[in-house]
Amino acid sequence: MIDHVVIVKFSDSTTDEQMLEVCNKFKLLKGKIPGIIDVQAGRTFSVHHQGYQVMLTARFIDKASLENYGPHLEHRAVASFIREVGRVDSIVMDIEI
């Protein structure tokens, strides 16, 4: 299995509602993209966030499923929305478990 983790930093103009909508749109990817086992998303409450406000995680069956996820139209639509509402930076990590 593969865990895919993305933490996102948004601009000061990005609203709480927009960040919540990012989380909700991301969660809807389960069932739309083959190979996704689980999806989690939420806003941090940690004081150690270093400006990153949202964490998105997806668990995939295998590396091939992760590779198919990137160019999938549903994923690209969510990624586009994230940029549209003010993404400043993101960090991505993938691990095999």
N, C-alpha and C. Protein backbone atom coordinates (compact mmCIF):
# COMPACT_ATOMS: atom_id res chain seq x y z
N MET A 1 0.84 -1.19 0.00
CA MET A 1 0.00 0.00 0.00
C MET A 1 0.88 1.25 0.00
N ILE A 2 0.33 2.31 -0.51
CA ILE A 2 1.02 3.60 -0.61
C ILE A 2 0.21 4.66 0.12
N ASP A 3 0.88 5.43 0.97
CA ASP A 3 0.26 6.61 1.58
C ASP A 3 0.82 7.85 0.89
N HIS A 4 -0.08 8.69 0.45
CA HIS A 4 0.23 9.94 -0.25
C HIS A 4 -0.25 11.07 0.66
N VAL A 5 0.67 11.93 1.09
CA VAL A 5 0.36 13.01 2.02
C VAL A 5 0.73 14.33 1.38
N VAL A 6 -0.19 15.28 1.44
CA VAL A 6 0.05 16.63 0.93
C VAL A 6 -0.33 17.61 2.03
N ILE A 7 0.59 18.52 2.35
CA ILE A 7 0.23 19.61 3.26
C ILE A 7 0.30 20.90 2.44
N VAL A 8 -0.68 21.76 2.67
CA VAL A 8 -0.86 22.94 1.81
C VAL A 8 -0.85 24.21 2.65
N LYS A 9 -0.13 25.19 2.12
CA LYS A 9 -0.12 26.54 2.69
C LYS A 9 -0.91 27.44 1.74
N PHE A 10 -1.86 28.17 2.30
CA PHE A 10 -2.69 29.07 1.50
C PHE A 10 -2.36 30.52 1.80
N SER A 11 -2.77 31.39 0.91
CA SER A 11 -2.54 32.82 1.08
C SER A 11 -3.42 33.36 2.21
N ASP A 12 -3.08 34.54 2.67
CA ASP A 12 -3.86 35.19 3.73
C ASP A 12 -5.29 35.49 3.27
N SER A 13 -5.49 35.59 1.96
CA SER A 13 -6.83 35.91 1.45
C SER A 13 -7.73 34.67 1.32
N THR A 14 -7.18 33.48 1.48
CA THR A 14 -7.98 32.26 1.41
C THR A 14 -8.84 32.15 2.68
N THR A 15 -10.13 31.95 2.50
CA THR A 15 -11.04 31.91 3.64
C THR A 15 -11.11 30.51 4.25
N ASP A 16 -11.60 30.45 5.48
CA ASP A 16 -11.83 29.17 6.14
C ASP A 16 -12.79 28.31 5.33
N GLU A 17 -13.79 28.94 4.76
CA GLU A 17 -14.79 28.22 3.96
C GLU A 17 -14.13 27.60 2.72
N GLN A 18 -13.23 28.32 2.09
CA GLN A 18 -12.54 27.79 0.92
C GLN A 18 -11.66 26.60 1.30
N MET A 19 -10.98 26.68 2.44
CA MET A 19 -10.15 25.56 2.88
C MET A 19 -11.01 24.35 3.21
N LEU A 20 -12.18 24.57 3.80
CA LEU A 20 -13.10 23.48 4.08
C LEU A 20 -13.60 22.86 2.77
N GLU A 21 -13.85 23.69 1.78
CA GLU A 21 -14.29 23.19 0.48
C GLU A 21 -13.20 22.36 -0.19
N VAL A 22 -11.94 22.77 -0.04
CA VAL A 22 -10.81 21.96 -0.54
C VAL A 22 -10.87 20.57 0.08
N CYS A 23 -11.03 20.52 1.39
CA CYS A 23 -11.08 19.24 2.10
C CYS A 23 -12.25 18.39 1.61
N ASN A 24 -13.41 19.00 1.46
CA ASN A 24 -14.59 18.27 1.01
C ASN A 24 -14.43 17.75 -0.42
N LYS A 25 -13.90 18.56 -1.31
CA LYS A 25 -13.68 18.13 -2.69
C LYS A 25 -12.68 16.98 -2.74
N PHE A 26 -11.63 17.07 -1.93
CA PHE A 26 -10.61 16.02 -1.91
C PHE A 26 -11.22 14.70 -1.42
N LYS A 27 -12.03 14.76 -0.38
CA LYS A 27 -12.64 13.55 0.17
C LYS A 27 -13.52 12.84 -0.85
N LEU A 28 -14.09 13.59 -1.78
CA LEU A 28 -14.96 13.00 -2.80
C LEU A 28 -14.19 12.20 -3.85
N LEU A 29 -12.87 12.28 -3.84
CA LEU A 29 -12.08 11.52 -4.81
C LEU A 29 -12.18 10.02 -4.58
N LYS A 30 -12.41 9.61 -3.34
CA LYS A 30 -12.60 8.19 -3.07
C LYS A 30 -13.87 7.74 -3.78
N GLY A 31 -13.74 6.70 -4.55
CA GLY A 31 -14.87 6.21 -5.33
C GLY A 31 -14.89 6.74 -6.74
N LYS A 32 -14.14 7.81 -6.99
CA LYS A 32 -14.07 8.37 -8.35
C LYS A 32 -12.79 7.97 -9.07
N ILE A 33 -11.77 7.63 -8.30
CA ILE A 33 -10.47 7.29 -8.89
C ILE A 33 -10.12 5.87 -8.46
N PRO A 34 -9.88 4.98 -9.42
CA PRO A 34 -9.55 3.60 -9.08
C PRO A 34 -8.27 3.50 -8.26
N GLY A 35 -8.27 2.55 -7.32
CA GLY A 35 -7.08 2.28 -6.54
C GLY A 35 -6.99 3.01 -5.22
N ILE A 36 -7.90 3.96 -4.97
CA ILE A 36 -7.90 4.67 -3.69
C ILE A 36 -8.62 3.81 -2.66
N ILE A 37 -7.94 3.56 -1.55
CA ILE A 37 -8.53 2.78 -0.45
C ILE A 37 -9.19 3.70 0.56
N ASP A 38 -8.53 4.82 0.87
CA ASP A 38 -9.04 5.72 1.89
C ASP A 38 -8.56 7.13 1.60
N VAL A 39 -9.33 8.12 2.06
CA VAL A 39 -8.99 9.53 1.89
C VAL A 39 -9.33 10.25 3.20
N GLN A 40 -8.43 11.12 3.62
CA GLN A 40 -8.64 11.96 4.80
C GLN A 40 -8.23 13.39 4.45
N ALA A 41 -8.87 14.36 5.06
CA ALA A 41 -8.52 15.75 4.82
C ALA A 41 -9.01 16.60 5.97
N GLY A 42 -8.22 17.61 6.32
CA GLY A 42 -8.66 18.50 7.38
C GLY A 42 -7.70 19.64 7.61
N ARG A 43 -8.17 20.58 8.44
CA ARG A 43 -7.37 21.74 8.84
C ARG A 43 -6.61 21.39 10.10
N THR A 44 -5.40 21.90 10.20
CA THR A 44 -4.60 21.63 11.37
C THR A 44 -5.06 22.43 12.58
N PHE A 45 -4.83 21.87 13.74
CA PHE A 45 -5.02 22.62 14.98
C PHE A 45 -3.69 22.73 15.72
N SER A 46 -2.63 22.20 15.12
CA SER A 46 -1.31 22.23 15.73
C SER A 46 -0.74 23.65 15.74
N VAL A 47 0.00 23.98 16.79
CA VAL A 47 0.68 25.27 16.83
C VAL A 47 2.01 25.20 16.09
N HIS A 48 2.38 24.02 15.62
CA HIS A 48 3.67 23.80 14.94
C HIS A 48 3.52 23.69 13.42
N HIS A 49 2.49 24.26 12.87
CA HIS A 49 2.15 24.05 11.45
C HIS A 49 3.03 24.81 10.47
N GLN A 50 3.81 25.77 10.92
CA GLN A 50 4.71 26.56 10.08
C GLN A 50 4.00 27.18 8.88
N GLY A 51 2.74 27.54 9.07
CA GLY A 51 1.98 28.21 8.02
C GLY A 51 1.18 27.29 7.10
N TYR A 52 1.36 25.99 7.24
CA TYR A 52 0.60 25.02 6.44
C TYR A 52 -0.70 24.72 7.16
N GLN A 53 -1.82 24.96 6.48
CA GLN A 53 -3.12 24.88 7.15
C GLN A 53 -3.91 23.61 6.89
N VAL A 54 -3.68 22.94 5.77
CA VAL A 54 -4.51 21.80 5.38
C VAL A 54 -3.64 20.59 5.09
N MET A 55 -4.11 19.41 5.55
CA MET A 55 -3.44 18.16 5.22
C MET A 55 -4.42 17.26 4.49
N LEU A 56 -3.95 16.70 3.38
CA LEU A 56 -4.74 15.79 2.57
C LEU A 56 -3.98 14.48 2.49
N THR A 57 -4.64 13.36 2.76
CA THR A 57 -3.97 12.06 2.65
C THR A 57 -4.84 11.11 1.84
N ALA A 58 -4.18 10.29 1.05
CA ALA A 58 -4.87 9.25 0.29
C ALA A 58 -4.05 7.97 0.40
N ARG A 59 -4.74 6.86 0.59
CA ARG A 59 -4.08 5.56 0.63
C ARG A 59 -4.46 4.81 -0.65
N PHE A 60 -3.43 4.29 -1.31
CA PHE A 60 -3.61 3.59 -2.58
C PHE A 60 -3.24 2.12 -2.46
N ILE A 61 -3.81 1.34 -3.31
CA ILE A 61 -3.53 -0.10 -3.34
C ILE A 61 -2.05 -0.35 -3.64
N ASP A 62 -1.51 0.40 -4.62
CA ASP A 62 -0.13 0.17 -5.05
C ASP A 62 0.41 1.41 -5.76
N LYS A 63 1.69 1.35 -6.15
CA LYS A 63 2.32 2.50 -6.81
C LYS A 63 1.66 2.82 -8.15
N ALA A 64 1.20 1.80 -8.86
CA ALA A 64 0.54 2.04 -10.15
C ALA A 64 -0.72 2.89 -9.96
N SER A 65 -1.46 2.63 -8.89
CA SER A 65 -2.67 3.43 -8.61
C SER A 65 -2.31 4.88 -8.33
N LEU A 66 -1.23 5.10 -7.59
CA LEU A 66 -0.76 6.47 -7.32
C LEU A 66 -0.35 7.15 -8.62
N GLU A 67 0.34 6.43 -9.49
CA GLU A 67 0.77 7.01 -10.77
C GLU A 67 -0.42 7.38 -11.64
N ASN A 68 -1.49 6.60 -11.59
CA ASN A 68 -2.70 6.91 -12.37
C ASN A 68 -3.50 8.06 -11.78
N TYR A 69 -3.33 8.28 -10.49
CA TYR A 69 -4.05 9.33 -9.77
C TYR A 69 -3.65 10.73 -10.24
N GLY A 70 -2.35 10.97 -10.41
CA GLY A 70 -1.85 12.30 -10.77
C GLY A 70 -2.52 12.91 -11.98
N PRO A 71 -2.56 12.20 -13.10
CA PRO A 71 -3.17 12.78 -14.31
C PRO A 71 -4.69 12.60 -14.41
N HIS A 72 -5.30 11.92 -13.45
CA HIS A 72 -6.74 11.67 -13.51
C HIS A 72 -7.49 13.00 -13.49
N LEU A 73 -8.52 13.12 -14.32
CA LEU A 73 -9.27 14.38 -14.46
C LEU A 73 -9.88 14.85 -13.14
N GLU A 74 -10.39 13.92 -12.33
CA GLU A 74 -10.99 14.30 -11.05
C GLU A 74 -9.93 14.90 -10.11
N HIS A 75 -8.75 14.31 -10.08
CA HIS A 75 -7.66 14.84 -9.24
C HIS A 75 -7.22 16.20 -9.77
N ARG A 76 -7.08 16.31 -11.07
CA ARG A 76 -6.64 17.57 -11.66
C ARG A 76 -7.62 18.70 -11.37
N ALA A 77 -8.92 18.39 -11.31
CA ALA A 77 -9.93 19.41 -10.99
C ALA A 77 -9.76 19.90 -9.55
N VAL A 78 -9.49 18.99 -8.61
CA VAL A 78 -9.28 19.39 -7.22
C VAL A 78 -7.99 20.20 -7.10
N ALA A 79 -6.93 19.74 -7.75
CA ALA A 79 -5.66 20.47 -7.72
C ALA A 79 -5.82 21.88 -8.28
N SER A 80 -6.60 22.01 -9.34
CA SER A 80 -6.86 23.32 -9.93
C SER A 80 -7.62 24.22 -8.95
N PHE A 81 -8.59 23.66 -8.26
CA PHE A 81 -9.35 24.43 -7.27
C PHE A 81 -8.43 24.91 -6.14
N ILE A 82 -7.54 24.03 -5.70
CA ILE A 82 -6.59 24.40 -4.64
C ILE A 82 -5.76 25.61 -5.08
N ARG A 83 -5.28 25.59 -6.31
CA ARG A 83 -4.51 26.74 -6.82
C ARG A 83 -5.39 27.98 -6.92
N GLU A 84 -6.62 27.78 -7.38
CA GLU A 84 -7.56 28.88 -7.59
C GLU A 84 -7.86 29.63 -6.29
N VAL A 85 -7.97 28.93 -5.17
CA VAL A 85 -8.33 29.59 -3.92
C VAL A 85 -7.12 30.11 -3.15
N GLY A 86 -5.92 29.99 -3.72
CA GLY A 86 -4.79 30.67 -3.11
C GLY A 86 -3.65 29.83 -2.59
N ARG A 87 -3.44 28.65 -3.17
CA ARG A 87 -2.30 27.84 -2.75
C ARG A 87 -1.01 28.63 -2.92
N VAL A 88 -0.22 28.69 -1.85
CA VAL A 88 1.07 29.37 -1.88
C VAL A 88 2.19 28.34 -2.03
N ASP A 89 2.05 27.21 -1.33
CA ASP A 89 3.08 26.17 -1.34
C ASP A 89 2.44 24.86 -0.89
N SER A 90 3.08 23.77 -1.24
CA SER A 90 2.66 22.48 -0.74
C SER A 90 3.86 21.55 -0.64
N ILE A 91 3.74 20.59 0.24
CA ILE A 91 4.76 19.56 0.41
C ILE A 91 4.06 18.23 0.21
N VAL A 92 4.67 17.36 -0.60
CA VAL A 92 4.10 16.06 -0.91
C VAL A 92 5.07 14.98 -0.45
N MET A 93 4.52 13.96 0.20
CA MET A 93 5.33 12.81 0.60
C MET A 93 4.54 11.54 0.27
N ASP A 94 5.23 10.57 -0.26
CA ASP A 94 4.64 9.27 -0.57
C ASP A 94 5.49 8.20 0.11
N ILE A 95 4.82 7.28 0.82
CA ILE A 95 5.55 6.19 1.45
C ILE A 95 4.86 4.88 1.15
N GLU A 96 5.66 3.83 1.11
CA GLU A 96 5.11 2.49 0.94
C GLU A 96 5.01 1.86 2.32
N ILE A 97 3.84 1.32 2.63
CA ILE A 97 3.64 0.72 3.96
C ILE A 97 3.35 -0.76 3.84
